[in-house]
N, C-alpha and C. Protein backbone atom coordinates (compact mmCIF):
# COMPACT_ATOMS: atom_id res chain seq x y z
N MET A 1 -18.26 29.84 -31.12
CA MET A 1 -17.36 29.31 -30.12
C MET A 1 -17.26 30.32 -28.98
N ASN A 2 -17.44 29.84 -27.77
CA ASN A 2 -17.32 30.71 -26.60
C ASN A 2 -15.89 30.71 -26.10
N ARG A 3 -15.49 31.81 -25.54
CA ARG A 3 -14.15 31.94 -25.00
C ARG A 3 -14.24 32.05 -23.50
N LEU A 4 -13.47 31.22 -22.80
CA LEU A 4 -13.45 31.24 -21.34
C LEU A 4 -12.27 32.07 -20.90
N GLY A 5 -12.54 33.14 -20.16
CA GLY A 5 -11.46 34.03 -19.75
C GLY A 5 -10.81 33.59 -18.46
N GLY A 6 -9.68 34.19 -18.16
CA GLY A 6 -8.98 33.92 -16.91
C GLY A 6 -7.69 33.17 -17.13
N PHE A 7 -6.90 33.12 -16.06
CA PHE A 7 -5.62 32.42 -16.07
C PHE A 7 -5.85 30.92 -16.03
N LEU A 8 -5.28 30.21 -16.99
CA LEU A 8 -5.37 28.75 -16.99
C LEU A 8 -4.11 28.18 -16.35
N GLY A 9 -4.29 27.22 -15.48
CA GLY A 9 -3.16 26.58 -14.82
C GLY A 9 -2.45 25.63 -15.76
N GLU A 10 -1.52 24.87 -15.20
CA GLU A 10 -0.73 23.92 -15.98
C GLU A 10 -1.51 22.67 -16.33
N LEU A 11 -2.62 22.44 -15.65
CA LEU A 11 -3.39 21.22 -15.86
C LEU A 11 -4.27 21.30 -17.10
N PRO A 12 -4.43 20.17 -17.79
CA PRO A 12 -5.41 20.17 -18.87
C PRO A 12 -6.81 20.23 -18.27
N PRO A 13 -7.76 20.83 -18.97
CA PRO A 13 -9.14 20.85 -18.46
C PRO A 13 -9.69 19.44 -18.36
N LEU A 14 -10.72 19.28 -17.55
CA LEU A 14 -11.34 17.99 -17.31
C LEU A 14 -12.83 18.10 -17.60
N PHE A 15 -13.37 17.16 -18.34
CA PHE A 15 -14.79 17.14 -18.64
C PHE A 15 -15.53 16.23 -17.68
N SER A 16 -16.78 16.58 -17.38
CA SER A 16 -17.64 15.69 -16.59
C SER A 16 -17.94 14.45 -17.43
N PRO A 17 -18.39 13.35 -16.80
CA PRO A 17 -18.66 12.12 -17.55
C PRO A 17 -19.68 12.30 -18.69
N ASP A 18 -20.63 13.21 -18.53
CA ASP A 18 -21.62 13.45 -19.59
C ASP A 18 -21.20 14.56 -20.55
N SER A 19 -20.00 15.11 -20.37
CA SER A 19 -19.42 16.17 -21.22
C SER A 19 -20.21 17.47 -21.19
N ARG A 20 -21.04 17.66 -20.19
CA ARG A 20 -21.81 18.92 -20.09
C ARG A 20 -21.06 19.99 -19.31
N LEU A 21 -20.09 19.57 -18.49
CA LEU A 21 -19.34 20.52 -17.67
C LEU A 21 -17.86 20.43 -17.98
N LEU A 22 -17.17 21.55 -17.79
CA LEU A 22 -15.73 21.62 -17.99
C LEU A 22 -15.11 22.19 -16.72
N PHE A 23 -14.12 21.50 -16.18
CA PHE A 23 -13.40 21.94 -14.98
C PHE A 23 -12.05 22.49 -15.42
N VAL A 24 -11.76 23.72 -15.00
CA VAL A 24 -10.52 24.38 -15.40
C VAL A 24 -9.81 24.88 -14.15
N SER A 25 -8.55 24.47 -13.97
CA SER A 25 -7.78 24.98 -12.83
C SER A 25 -7.30 26.37 -13.15
N CYS A 26 -7.46 27.27 -12.19
CA CYS A 26 -7.08 28.68 -12.35
C CYS A 26 -6.37 29.10 -11.07
N GLY A 27 -5.07 28.84 -11.00
CA GLY A 27 -4.33 29.19 -9.80
C GLY A 27 -4.77 28.35 -8.62
N GLU A 28 -5.33 29.01 -7.59
CA GLU A 28 -5.75 28.33 -6.36
C GLU A 28 -7.21 27.88 -6.41
N THR A 29 -7.86 28.07 -7.54
CA THR A 29 -9.28 27.73 -7.67
C THR A 29 -9.50 26.78 -8.84
N VAL A 30 -10.71 26.21 -8.88
CA VAL A 30 -11.17 25.45 -10.04
C VAL A 30 -12.48 26.10 -10.48
N ARG A 31 -12.57 26.38 -11.76
CA ARG A 31 -13.80 26.96 -12.31
C ARG A 31 -14.58 25.87 -13.04
N VAL A 32 -15.88 25.90 -12.85
CA VAL A 32 -16.76 24.93 -13.48
C VAL A 32 -17.62 25.67 -14.50
N TYR A 33 -17.48 25.28 -15.77
CA TYR A 33 -18.20 25.94 -16.86
C TYR A 33 -19.22 24.99 -17.48
N GLY A 34 -20.31 25.54 -17.95
CA GLY A 34 -21.24 24.80 -18.79
C GLY A 34 -20.67 24.77 -20.19
N VAL A 35 -20.55 23.60 -20.78
CA VAL A 35 -19.92 23.48 -22.09
C VAL A 35 -20.77 24.15 -23.17
N GLN A 36 -22.06 23.93 -23.16
CA GLN A 36 -22.93 24.50 -24.21
C GLN A 36 -22.96 26.02 -24.18
N SER A 37 -23.10 26.58 -22.98
CA SER A 37 -23.27 28.03 -22.86
C SER A 37 -21.95 28.78 -22.66
N GLY A 38 -20.94 28.08 -22.14
CA GLY A 38 -19.70 28.74 -21.78
C GLY A 38 -19.81 29.52 -20.48
N GLU A 39 -20.96 29.41 -19.82
CA GLU A 39 -21.23 30.15 -18.58
C GLU A 39 -20.43 29.57 -17.41
N LEU A 40 -19.89 30.47 -16.60
CA LEU A 40 -19.23 30.06 -15.37
C LEU A 40 -20.32 29.69 -14.36
N LEU A 41 -20.34 28.43 -13.94
CA LEU A 41 -21.39 27.94 -13.05
C LEU A 41 -20.97 27.97 -11.59
N GLN A 42 -19.72 27.65 -11.31
CA GLN A 42 -19.20 27.62 -9.94
C GLN A 42 -17.72 27.94 -9.97
N THR A 43 -17.23 28.48 -8.86
CA THR A 43 -15.80 28.61 -8.62
C THR A 43 -15.52 27.92 -7.30
N LEU A 44 -14.66 26.91 -7.35
CA LEU A 44 -14.32 26.15 -6.14
C LEU A 44 -13.13 26.83 -5.47
N VAL A 45 -13.41 27.47 -4.34
CA VAL A 45 -12.43 28.28 -3.63
C VAL A 45 -12.11 27.63 -2.29
N GLY A 46 -10.83 27.52 -1.96
CA GLY A 46 -10.45 26.97 -0.66
C GLY A 46 -8.98 26.65 -0.56
N HIS A 47 -8.37 26.25 -1.66
CA HIS A 47 -6.93 25.96 -1.62
C HIS A 47 -6.15 27.25 -1.42
N THR A 48 -4.99 27.14 -0.77
CA THR A 48 -4.12 28.30 -0.59
C THR A 48 -2.83 28.17 -1.40
N GLY A 49 -2.78 27.16 -2.25
CA GLY A 49 -1.67 26.95 -3.17
C GLY A 49 -2.25 26.57 -4.53
N THR A 50 -1.42 26.60 -5.55
CA THR A 50 -1.87 26.27 -6.90
C THR A 50 -2.45 24.86 -6.96
N VAL A 51 -3.59 24.73 -7.61
CA VAL A 51 -4.21 23.42 -7.81
C VAL A 51 -3.31 22.62 -8.76
N THR A 52 -2.97 21.40 -8.36
CA THR A 52 -2.03 20.59 -9.13
C THR A 52 -2.68 19.39 -9.81
N SER A 53 -3.89 19.03 -9.37
CA SER A 53 -4.54 17.87 -9.96
C SER A 53 -6.03 17.89 -9.69
N MET A 54 -6.79 17.30 -10.61
CA MET A 54 -8.25 17.17 -10.46
C MET A 54 -8.62 15.76 -10.88
N ALA A 55 -9.57 15.16 -10.15
CA ALA A 55 -10.06 13.82 -10.51
C ALA A 55 -11.51 13.69 -10.07
N LEU A 56 -12.34 13.18 -10.95
CA LEU A 56 -13.73 12.95 -10.60
C LEU A 56 -13.84 11.75 -9.66
N ASN A 57 -14.81 11.80 -8.77
CA ASN A 57 -15.05 10.71 -7.85
C ASN A 57 -15.77 9.59 -8.61
N PRO A 58 -15.17 8.41 -8.74
CA PRO A 58 -15.84 7.33 -9.48
C PRO A 58 -17.08 6.80 -8.77
N ARG A 59 -17.25 7.12 -7.50
CA ARG A 59 -18.40 6.66 -6.72
C ARG A 59 -19.55 7.67 -6.68
N ASN A 60 -19.27 8.93 -7.06
CA ASN A 60 -20.30 9.96 -7.02
C ASN A 60 -20.01 10.96 -8.14
N SER A 61 -20.86 10.98 -9.15
CA SER A 61 -20.60 11.79 -10.33
C SER A 61 -20.73 13.29 -10.10
N LEU A 62 -21.17 13.70 -8.90
CA LEU A 62 -21.27 15.13 -8.59
C LEU A 62 -20.12 15.62 -7.70
N GLN A 63 -19.09 14.78 -7.57
CA GLN A 63 -17.97 15.16 -6.70
C GLN A 63 -16.65 15.15 -7.46
N LEU A 64 -15.79 16.06 -7.03
CA LEU A 64 -14.48 16.24 -7.64
C LEU A 64 -13.43 16.29 -6.55
N PHE A 65 -12.33 15.56 -6.73
CA PHE A 65 -11.17 15.66 -5.85
C PHE A 65 -10.19 16.65 -6.47
N THR A 66 -9.56 17.47 -5.63
CA THR A 66 -8.48 18.33 -6.09
C THR A 66 -7.30 18.20 -5.13
N SER A 67 -6.11 18.42 -5.66
CA SER A 67 -4.92 18.50 -4.81
C SER A 67 -4.24 19.83 -5.12
N SER A 68 -3.35 20.22 -4.21
CA SER A 68 -2.75 21.54 -4.33
C SER A 68 -1.34 21.56 -3.75
N ARG A 69 -0.63 22.59 -4.11
CA ARG A 69 0.70 22.81 -3.52
C ARG A 69 0.62 23.20 -2.06
N ASP A 70 -0.59 23.41 -1.55
CA ASP A 70 -0.74 23.70 -0.11
C ASP A 70 -0.77 22.41 0.72
N SER A 71 -0.47 21.28 0.10
CA SER A 71 -0.38 19.96 0.75
C SER A 71 -1.73 19.35 1.10
N THR A 72 -2.82 19.90 0.56
CA THR A 72 -4.14 19.36 0.88
C THR A 72 -4.78 18.66 -0.31
N VAL A 73 -5.69 17.75 0.04
CA VAL A 73 -6.60 17.13 -0.92
C VAL A 73 -7.99 17.55 -0.48
N ARG A 74 -8.79 18.01 -1.42
CA ARG A 74 -10.16 18.44 -1.10
C ARG A 74 -11.15 17.64 -1.94
N LEU A 75 -12.29 17.37 -1.31
CA LEU A 75 -13.40 16.73 -2.00
C LEU A 75 -14.52 17.76 -2.10
N TRP A 76 -15.00 17.98 -3.32
CA TRP A 76 -15.98 19.03 -3.59
C TRP A 76 -17.29 18.46 -4.09
N ASP A 77 -18.39 19.08 -3.70
CA ASP A 77 -19.67 18.93 -4.39
C ASP A 77 -19.66 20.08 -5.38
N TYR A 78 -19.30 19.78 -6.62
CA TYR A 78 -19.11 20.87 -7.58
C TYR A 78 -20.43 21.49 -8.04
N SER A 79 -21.54 20.79 -7.89
CA SER A 79 -22.82 21.38 -8.28
C SER A 79 -23.23 22.48 -7.31
N GLU A 80 -22.83 22.34 -6.05
CA GLU A 80 -23.12 23.35 -5.02
C GLU A 80 -21.94 24.30 -4.79
N GLY A 81 -20.77 23.93 -5.28
CA GLY A 81 -19.58 24.75 -5.05
C GLY A 81 -19.06 24.67 -3.63
N LYS A 82 -19.35 23.54 -2.95
CA LYS A 82 -18.96 23.40 -1.54
C LYS A 82 -17.87 22.36 -1.35
N CYS A 83 -16.94 22.69 -0.48
CA CYS A 83 -15.91 21.73 -0.08
C CYS A 83 -16.52 20.81 0.98
N LEU A 84 -16.51 19.51 0.73
CA LEU A 84 -17.08 18.54 1.66
C LEU A 84 -16.06 18.03 2.67
N GLU A 85 -14.82 17.90 2.23
CA GLU A 85 -13.75 17.40 3.11
C GLU A 85 -12.42 18.00 2.68
N THR A 86 -11.56 18.19 3.68
CA THR A 86 -10.18 18.61 3.43
C THR A 86 -9.28 17.69 4.21
N ALA A 87 -8.25 17.17 3.55
CA ALA A 87 -7.28 16.30 4.22
C ALA A 87 -5.88 16.77 3.90
N THR A 88 -5.00 16.59 4.85
CA THR A 88 -3.58 16.87 4.65
C THR A 88 -2.84 15.56 4.91
N PRO A 89 -2.83 14.67 3.91
CA PRO A 89 -2.26 13.34 4.13
C PRO A 89 -0.75 13.32 4.30
N LEU A 90 -0.04 14.27 3.72
CA LEU A 90 1.42 14.32 3.80
C LEU A 90 1.83 15.75 4.12
N PRO A 91 1.71 16.15 5.40
CA PRO A 91 2.00 17.54 5.76
C PRO A 91 3.38 18.00 5.27
N GLY A 92 3.39 19.18 4.69
CA GLY A 92 4.65 19.77 4.23
C GLY A 92 5.11 19.29 2.87
N ARG A 93 4.42 18.34 2.27
CA ARG A 93 4.81 17.84 0.95
C ARG A 93 3.86 18.40 -0.10
N GLN A 94 4.39 18.96 -1.15
CA GLN A 94 3.56 19.48 -2.23
C GLN A 94 3.03 18.32 -3.06
N ILE A 95 1.73 18.22 -3.17
CA ILE A 95 1.13 17.15 -3.96
C ILE A 95 1.11 17.58 -5.42
N ARG A 96 1.75 16.78 -6.26
CA ARG A 96 1.85 17.11 -7.68
C ARG A 96 0.72 16.50 -8.50
N ARG A 97 0.35 15.26 -8.20
CA ARG A 97 -0.71 14.58 -8.94
C ARG A 97 -1.53 13.72 -8.00
N LEU A 98 -2.79 13.59 -8.34
CA LEU A 98 -3.75 12.82 -7.57
C LEU A 98 -4.45 11.85 -8.51
N PHE A 99 -4.51 10.59 -8.12
CA PHE A 99 -5.23 9.58 -8.89
C PHE A 99 -6.21 8.91 -7.94
N VAL A 100 -7.41 8.62 -8.43
CA VAL A 100 -8.44 7.99 -7.62
C VAL A 100 -8.76 6.64 -8.24
N ALA A 101 -8.76 5.60 -7.41
CA ALA A 101 -9.06 4.25 -7.89
C ALA A 101 -10.19 3.65 -7.07
N SER A 102 -11.01 2.86 -7.74
CA SER A 102 -12.12 2.19 -7.10
C SER A 102 -12.34 0.85 -7.79
N THR A 103 -12.70 -0.16 -7.02
CA THR A 103 -13.02 -1.46 -7.62
C THR A 103 -14.49 -1.75 -7.39
N ALA A 104 -15.05 -2.59 -8.22
CA ALA A 104 -16.48 -2.92 -8.12
C ALA A 104 -16.81 -3.61 -6.80
N ARG A 105 -15.88 -4.40 -6.27
CA ARG A 105 -16.15 -5.16 -5.04
C ARG A 105 -15.94 -4.34 -3.78
N SER A 106 -15.15 -3.31 -3.85
CA SER A 106 -14.82 -2.51 -2.67
C SER A 106 -15.73 -1.29 -2.58
N LYS A 107 -16.10 -0.95 -1.36
CA LYS A 107 -16.89 0.27 -1.15
C LYS A 107 -16.00 1.47 -0.89
N SER A 108 -14.70 1.23 -0.83
CA SER A 108 -13.78 2.32 -0.52
C SER A 108 -13.09 2.83 -1.78
N LEU A 109 -12.47 3.98 -1.64
CA LEU A 109 -11.67 4.58 -2.70
C LEU A 109 -10.21 4.56 -2.28
N SER A 110 -9.34 4.44 -3.26
CA SER A 110 -7.91 4.55 -3.01
C SER A 110 -7.42 5.84 -3.66
N LEU A 111 -6.74 6.65 -2.88
CA LEU A 111 -6.12 7.86 -3.41
C LEU A 111 -4.63 7.61 -3.56
N ILE A 112 -4.11 7.87 -4.73
CA ILE A 112 -2.68 7.72 -4.99
C ILE A 112 -2.13 9.12 -5.19
N LEU A 113 -1.18 9.50 -4.36
CA LEU A 113 -0.62 10.85 -4.41
C LEU A 113 0.82 10.80 -4.87
N VAL A 114 1.17 11.73 -5.74
CA VAL A 114 2.54 11.89 -6.19
C VAL A 114 3.00 13.22 -5.63
N THR A 115 4.08 13.21 -4.86
CA THR A 115 4.57 14.43 -4.25
C THR A 115 5.89 14.85 -4.87
N LYS A 116 6.22 16.09 -4.63
CA LYS A 116 7.51 16.60 -5.09
C LYS A 116 8.58 16.09 -4.14
N HIS A 117 9.63 15.55 -4.70
CA HIS A 117 10.72 15.01 -3.89
C HIS A 117 11.75 16.10 -3.62
N TYR A 118 12.08 16.25 -2.38
CA TYR A 118 13.13 17.20 -1.97
C TYR A 118 14.34 16.39 -1.49
N PRO A 119 15.40 16.31 -2.29
CA PRO A 119 16.56 15.54 -1.88
C PRO A 119 17.22 16.13 -0.64
N PRO A 120 17.85 15.29 0.19
CA PRO A 120 18.51 15.82 1.39
C PRO A 120 19.63 16.78 1.00
N LYS A 121 19.82 17.79 1.84
CA LYS A 121 20.87 18.78 1.57
C LYS A 121 22.23 18.13 1.77
N GLN A 122 23.13 18.47 0.86
CA GLN A 122 24.50 17.96 0.91
C GLN A 122 25.32 18.80 1.90
N GLU A 123 26.09 18.14 2.73
CA GLU A 123 27.01 18.89 3.61
C GLU A 123 28.28 19.19 2.85
N ARG A 124 28.83 20.35 3.10
CA ARG A 124 30.06 20.76 2.41
C ARG A 124 31.23 20.72 3.35
């Protein structure tokens, strides 16, 4: 059994569809490991806040979406370790969870974001 070192975030690890890769959130990064070897293959670097969610792209098996407390959603080519797109859909809101939906008839993807709610301050 191989041991993967480093700080593990609050998220459960995510396996690739073929179970050959393991995605592990580590603070502001995501590490991509080979399951058989335990080797670190890529580190996805770019977020400036803790990674809060990971989801594979249902339209492209080599892409991963991540969200972060830095209010961004990133799309990665995890085989190359490159960020393909960065979006800030809700500026100033910490994204807690990201879900990706796709239908067979649609060519588009739907991103569902769950943000942290900040109740209005009470006046005294």
